[in-house]
């Protein structure tokens, strides 16, 4: 019985090992944007465009109306009162801490969703936002909503389209600014991607990655120019397009770029 068992193991073991090796990512395979080091780069790149700073962790308390028709823009990735994503941050925070400084503004936030009104908000709200940003639970709420509605869906879609880390970042930045779907006066990620695919196939469809990303950036610039407050396309022209023209599809450091004329660099 023992010898028979050993013979059975010798027969079964090689296929099992082969399956395990096949399931293991190849050594040296390029990291995606969800790799912690790449995600840190993505956060800094977005912060350079949204907040003119690489110190993205300083932006939890940021809030202002940038006159783009979306009401107040706030936090890590520019959550907006008009878009409704800021409302979801406050709802998430309130579930974690019901007695927080922002909870009393929930009715007003629900009323202003879809427009640029400050009704029921104003300086009392902006002061409460900055106060709440000192609470780790509020920062966690922002992190979780950023990932749930922007980062994770963008990276999933980009990977399905066969894109590397740069393409994943390009999708993520588009999600942050435009959202997924079209809204009043805005073009969403879904339409930008469809317009790009009308010009070039994605790698998943047999196309060239650089050609497809070039088409996507063209579609993104066209969408930005249609929107109030987003006429400056330097986050594309002197940042993402620079990385693409350099052939840096893996978003490798060092990275050097400009946004709104300001120069930035990440060395590692």
Protein backbone atom coordinates (compact mmCIF):
# COMPACT_ATOMS: atom_id res chain seq x y z
CA UNK A 1 0.00 0.00 0.00
CA UNK A 2 2.80 2.44 0.88
CA UNK A 3 4.68 1.81 -2.37
CA UNK A 4 1.47 2.14 -4.37
CA UNK A 5 0.75 5.46 -2.64
CA UNK A 6 4.23 6.76 -3.48
CA UNK A 7 3.80 5.78 -7.12
CA UNK A 8 0.48 7.62 -7.18
CA UNK A 9 2.18 10.75 -5.80
CA UNK A 10 4.88 10.60 -8.47
CA UNK A 11 2.20 10.46 -11.13
CA UNK A 12 0.11 13.27 -9.66
CA UNK A 13 2.78 15.67 -8.44
CA UNK A 14 4.24 17.01 -11.72
CA UNK A 15 0.89 18.24 -13.11
CA UNK A 16 0.06 19.87 -9.77
CA UNK A 17 3.40 21.72 -9.78
CA UNK A 18 2.86 22.76 -13.38
CA UNK A 19 -0.50 24.26 -12.52
CA UNK A 20 0.97 26.17 -9.55
CA UNK A 21 3.79 27.61 -11.65
CA UNK A 22 1.33 28.68 -14.33
CA UNK A 23 -0.78 30.48 -11.73
CA UNK A 24 2.16 32.46 -10.34
CA UNK A 25 2.84 35.90 -11.92
CA UNK A 26 6.03 35.91 -13.96
CA UNK A 27 9.03 37.21 -12.07
CA UNK A 28 9.75 40.79 -13.12
CA UNK A 29 6.25 41.32 -14.58
CA UNK A 30 5.41 45.02 -14.71
CA UNK A 31 3.49 46.32 -11.70
CA UNK A 32 -0.02 47.64 -12.15
CA UNK A 33 -1.34 50.86 -10.66
CA UNK A 34 -2.74 48.92 -7.70
CA UNK A 35 0.83 48.09 -6.64
CA UNK A 36 1.37 50.26 -3.51
CA UNK A 37 4.38 52.10 -4.98
CA UNK A 38 2.53 52.82 -8.24
CA UNK A 39 -0.59 53.90 -6.37
CA UNK A 40 1.51 56.39 -4.40
CA UNK A 41 2.75 57.82 -7.70
CA UNK A 42 -0.84 58.07 -8.96
CA UNK A 43 -1.94 59.96 -5.85
CA UNK A 44 0.91 62.43 -6.27
CA UNK A 45 0.23 62.94 -9.97
CA UNK A 46 -3.45 63.68 -9.36
CA UNK A 47 -2.59 66.01 -6.50
CA UNK A 48 -0.28 68.01 -8.76
CA UNK A 49 -3.24 68.66 -11.07
CA UNK A 50 -5.98 69.03 -8.47
CA UNK A 51 -4.06 70.87 -5.74
CA UNK A 52 -0.75 72.07 -7.27
CA UNK A 53 1.16 69.96 -4.75
CA UNK A 54 2.69 66.49 -4.54
CA UNK A 55 1.71 66.30 -0.87
CA UNK A 56 -1.54 64.50 -1.48
CA UNK A 57 -2.08 63.60 2.16
CA UNK A 58 -2.34 67.32 2.96
CA UNK A 59 -5.44 67.61 0.76
CA UNK A 60 -8.06 65.95 2.99
CA UNK A 61 -9.02 69.40 4.34
CA UNK A 62 -9.04 71.19 0.97
CA UNK A 63 -12.35 72.81 -0.04
CA UNK A 64 -13.37 75.62 -2.41
CA UNK A 65 -15.72 76.46 -5.25
CA UNK A 66 -13.59 76.49 -8.41
CA UNK A 67 -16.49 77.80 -10.54
CA UNK A 68 -16.85 74.72 -12.70
CA UNK A 69 -20.59 74.33 -12.13
CA UNK A 70 -20.15 71.55 -9.57
CA UNK A 71 -20.47 73.54 -6.34
CA UNK A 72 -17.82 72.96 -3.73
CA UNK A 73 -14.81 70.84 -4.67
CA UNK A 74 -13.11 69.20 -1.72
CA UNK A 75 -10.74 66.57 -0.43
CA UNK A 76 -8.27 64.18 -2.00
CA UNK A 77 -9.67 63.95 -5.51
CA UNK A 78 -12.01 66.90 -5.70
CA UNK A 79 -15.24 65.39 -4.39
CA UNK A 80 -18.05 67.76 -5.42
CA UNK A 81 -21.30 68.82 -3.80
CA UNK A 82 -22.92 68.96 -7.23
CA UNK A 83 -21.72 65.52 -8.32
CA UNK A 84 -22.93 63.73 -5.20
CA UNK A 85 -19.62 62.03 -4.40
CA UNK A 86 -18.96 64.49 -1.57
CA UNK A 87 -22.36 63.55 -0.14
CA UNK A 88 -21.32 59.89 -0.18
CA UNK A 89 -18.12 60.74 1.71
CA UNK A 90 -20.12 62.49 4.43
CA UNK A 91 -22.64 59.64 4.61
CA UNK A 92 -19.82 57.12 4.98
CA UNK A 93 -18.16 59.27 7.65
CA UNK A 94 -21.45 59.65 9.50
CA UNK A 95 -21.91 55.89 9.63
CA UNK A 96 -18.50 55.67 11.31
CA UNK A 97 -19.06 58.67 13.58
CA UNK A 98 -22.69 59.83 13.84
CA UNK A 99 -21.86 62.92 15.93
CA UNK A 100 -19.41 64.40 13.42
CA UNK A 101 -19.30 68.14 12.47
CA UNK A 102 -20.66 67.47 8.96
CA UNK A 103 -23.69 65.35 9.81
CA UNK A 104 -25.99 68.36 10.20
CA UNK A 105 -25.34 69.34 6.57
CA UNK A 106 -26.59 66.07 5.10
CA UNK A 107 -30.07 67.42 4.21
CA UNK A 108 -28.52 70.41 2.43
CA UNK A 109 -26.02 68.22 0.59
CA UNK A 110 -28.87 66.09 -0.73
CA UNK A 111 -30.70 69.21 -1.90
CA UNK A 112 -27.77 70.72 -3.82
CA UNK A 113 -26.79 67.49 -5.56
CA UNK A 114 -26.87 68.00 -9.33
CA UNK A 115 -26.14 71.74 -9.27
CA UNK A 116 -23.75 74.39 -8.02
CA UNK A 117 -25.84 75.85 -5.20
CA UNK A 118 -24.38 76.66 -1.77
CA UNK A 119 -27.81 76.75 -0.13
CA UNK A 120 -27.62 75.49 3.44
CA UNK A 121 -23.83 75.18 3.23
CA UNK A 122 -21.62 78.28 3.00
CA UNK A 123 -18.77 79.16 5.34
CA UNK A 124 -20.21 77.05 8.16
CA UNK A 125 -19.94 73.99 5.95
CA UNK A 126 -16.42 74.71 4.67
CA UNK A 127 -15.23 75.27 8.26
CA UNK A 128 -16.85 72.00 9.35
CA UNK A 129 -15.16 70.14 6.45
CA UNK A 130 -11.73 71.40 7.50
CA UNK A 131 -12.42 70.51 11.12
CA UNK A 132 -13.62 67.01 10.22
CA UNK A 133 -10.52 66.38 8.10
CA UNK A 134 -8.50 66.14 11.30
CA UNK A 135 -10.42 62.98 12.22
CA UNK A 136 -8.83 59.71 10.99
CA UNK A 137 -12.34 58.35 10.35
CA UNK A 138 -13.02 61.20 7.92
CA UNK A 139 -9.75 60.57 6.11
CA UNK A 140 -10.63 56.88 5.87
CA UNK A 141 -14.04 57.80 4.42
CA UNK A 142 -12.33 59.82 1.71
CA UNK A 143 -9.85 57.01 0.96
CA UNK A 144 -12.58 54.41 0.71
CA UNK A 145 -14.86 56.49 -1.53
CA UNK A 146 -11.93 57.42 -3.77
CA UNK A 147 -11.12 53.74 -4.25
CA UNK A 148 -14.71 52.56 -4.57
CA UNK A 149 -15.92 55.00 -7.21
CA UNK A 150 -12.74 56.05 -8.99
CA UNK A 151 -9.52 54.12 -8.46
CA UNK A 152 -10.71 50.51 -8.37
CA UNK A 153 -13.16 50.74 -11.32
CA UNK A 154 -10.61 52.62 -13.43
CA UNK A 155 -7.86 50.07 -12.82
CA UNK A 156 -10.21 47.14 -13.49
CA UNK A 157 -11.42 48.65 -16.77
CA UNK A 158 -7.88 49.51 -17.88
CA UNK A 159 -6.60 46.01 -17.15
CA UNK A 160 -9.53 44.54 -19.10
CA UNK A 161 -8.55 46.80 -22.00
CA UNK A 162 -5.01 45.42 -21.85
CA UNK A 163 -3.35 48.59 -20.54
CA UNK A 164 -0.26 48.89 -18.38
CA UNK A 165 0.32 51.21 -15.43
CA UNK A 166 0.35 54.41 -17.50
CA UNK A 167 -2.93 53.53 -19.18
CA UNK A 168 -4.41 52.61 -15.82
CA UNK A 169 -3.41 56.01 -14.49
CA UNK A 170 -4.81 57.78 -17.55
CA UNK A 171 -8.14 56.04 -16.93
CA UNK A 172 -8.04 56.87 -13.22
CA UNK A 173 -7.39 60.56 -13.83
CA UNK A 174 -10.29 60.65 -16.29
CA UNK A 175 -12.59 58.99 -13.74
CA UNK A 176 -11.56 61.59 -11.13
CA UNK A 177 -12.34 64.59 -13.32
CA UNK A 178 -15.28 63.37 -15.40
CA UNK A 179 -16.93 60.55 -13.45
CA UNK A 180 -18.08 57.40 -15.20
CA UNK A 181 -21.26 58.59 -16.92
CA UNK A 182 -22.23 61.76 -18.75
CA UNK A 183 -23.98 64.43 -16.71
CA UNK A 184 -25.48 67.82 -17.45
CA UNK A 185 -22.86 69.80 -19.36
CA UNK A 186 -20.17 67.13 -18.92
CA UNK A 187 -18.82 64.12 -20.78
CA UNK A 188 -18.09 61.07 -18.66
CA UNK A 189 -15.37 58.42 -18.85
CA UNK A 190 -17.70 55.99 -20.62
CA UNK A 191 -18.19 58.36 -23.56
CA UNK A 192 -14.52 59.37 -23.67
CA UNK A 193 -13.54 55.70 -23.91
CA UNK A 194 -16.16 55.02 -26.59
CA UNK A 195 -14.88 57.96 -28.64
CA UNK A 196 -11.32 56.65 -28.30
CA UNK A 197 -12.33 53.14 -29.38
CA UNK A 198 -13.96 54.64 -32.46
CA UNK A 199 -10.51 55.87 -33.48
CA UNK A 200 -8.22 53.05 -32.35
CA UNK A 201 -8.52 49.52 -30.97
CA UNK A 202 -7.44 48.85 -27.41
CA UNK A 203 -4.73 46.22 -26.84
CA UNK A 204 -7.45 43.80 -25.70
CA UNK A 205 -8.97 44.19 -29.17
CA UNK A 206 -5.65 43.66 -30.91
CA UNK A 207 -4.64 47.31 -31.15
CA UNK A 208 -1.40 49.09 -30.35
CA UNK A 209 -1.29 50.40 -26.76
CA UNK A 210 0.40 53.71 -27.58
CA UNK A 211 -1.93 54.44 -30.49
CA UNK A 212 -4.98 53.68 -28.39
CA UNK A 213 -3.84 55.84 -25.46
CA UNK A 214 -3.09 58.66 -27.87
CA UNK A 215 -6.68 58.43 -29.13
CA UNK A 216 -7.98 58.32 -25.55
CA UNK A 217 -6.05 61.47 -24.62
CA UNK A 218 -7.39 63.22 -27.73
CA UNK A 219 -10.92 62.31 -26.67
CA UNK A 220 -10.20 63.44 -23.12
CA UNK A 221 -8.93 66.85 -24.24
CA UNK A 222 -12.02 67.32 -26.39
CA UNK A 223 -14.22 66.51 -23.38
CA UNK A 224 -12.34 68.92 -21.11
CA UNK A 225 -12.67 71.77 -23.58
CA UNK A 226 -16.43 71.35 -23.53
CA UNK A 227 -16.59 71.81 -19.77
CA UNK A 228 -16.73 75.04 -17.83
CA UNK A 229 -13.60 75.53 -15.77
CA UNK A 230 -11.58 72.78 -17.48
CA UNK A 231 -10.23 74.58 -20.52
CA UNK A 232 -6.65 74.20 -19.32
CA UNK A 233 -5.56 70.79 -20.57
CA UNK A 234 -1.98 70.85 -19.27
CA UNK A 235 -2.59 67.78 -17.08
CA UNK A 236 -2.80 65.99 -20.44
CA UNK A 237 -0.53 68.04 -22.71
CA UNK A 238 2.50 68.49 -20.45
CA UNK A 239 2.05 65.48 -18.18
CA UNK A 240 0.28 62.36 -19.44
CA UNK A 241 1.16 63.01 -23.08
CA UNK A 242 4.81 63.46 -22.10
CA UNK A 243 4.89 60.04 -20.43
CA UNK A 244 3.20 58.47 -23.45
CA UNK A 245 5.53 60.13 -25.97
CA UNK A 246 8.46 58.82 -23.94
CA UNK A 247 7.03 55.29 -24.28
CA UNK A 248 6.80 55.00 -20.49
CA UNK A 249 3.84 52.60 -20.50
CA UNK A 250 4.92 51.19 -17.13
CA UNK A 251 4.86 54.63 -15.46
CA UNK A 252 8.43 54.13 -14.30
CA UNK A 253 10.31 56.75 -12.32
CA UNK A 254 11.91 59.19 -12.67
CA UNK A 255 8.94 61.21 -13.90
CA UNK A 256 9.07 64.89 -14.81
CA UNK A 257 6.03 66.90 -15.90
CA UNK A 258 4.26 70.25 -15.71
CA UNK A 259 0.71 71.23 -14.79
CA UNK A 260 -0.52 74.83 -15.15
CA UNK A 261 3.09 75.77 -15.89
CA UNK A 262 4.43 74.40 -12.58
CA UNK A 263 7.17 71.77 -12.82
CA UNK A 264 7.13 68.53 -10.78
CA UNK A 265 9.37 65.52 -10.48
CA UNK A 266 9.25 62.09 -8.83
CA UNK A 267 12.60 60.35 -8.65
CA UNK A 268 11.62 57.14 -6.93
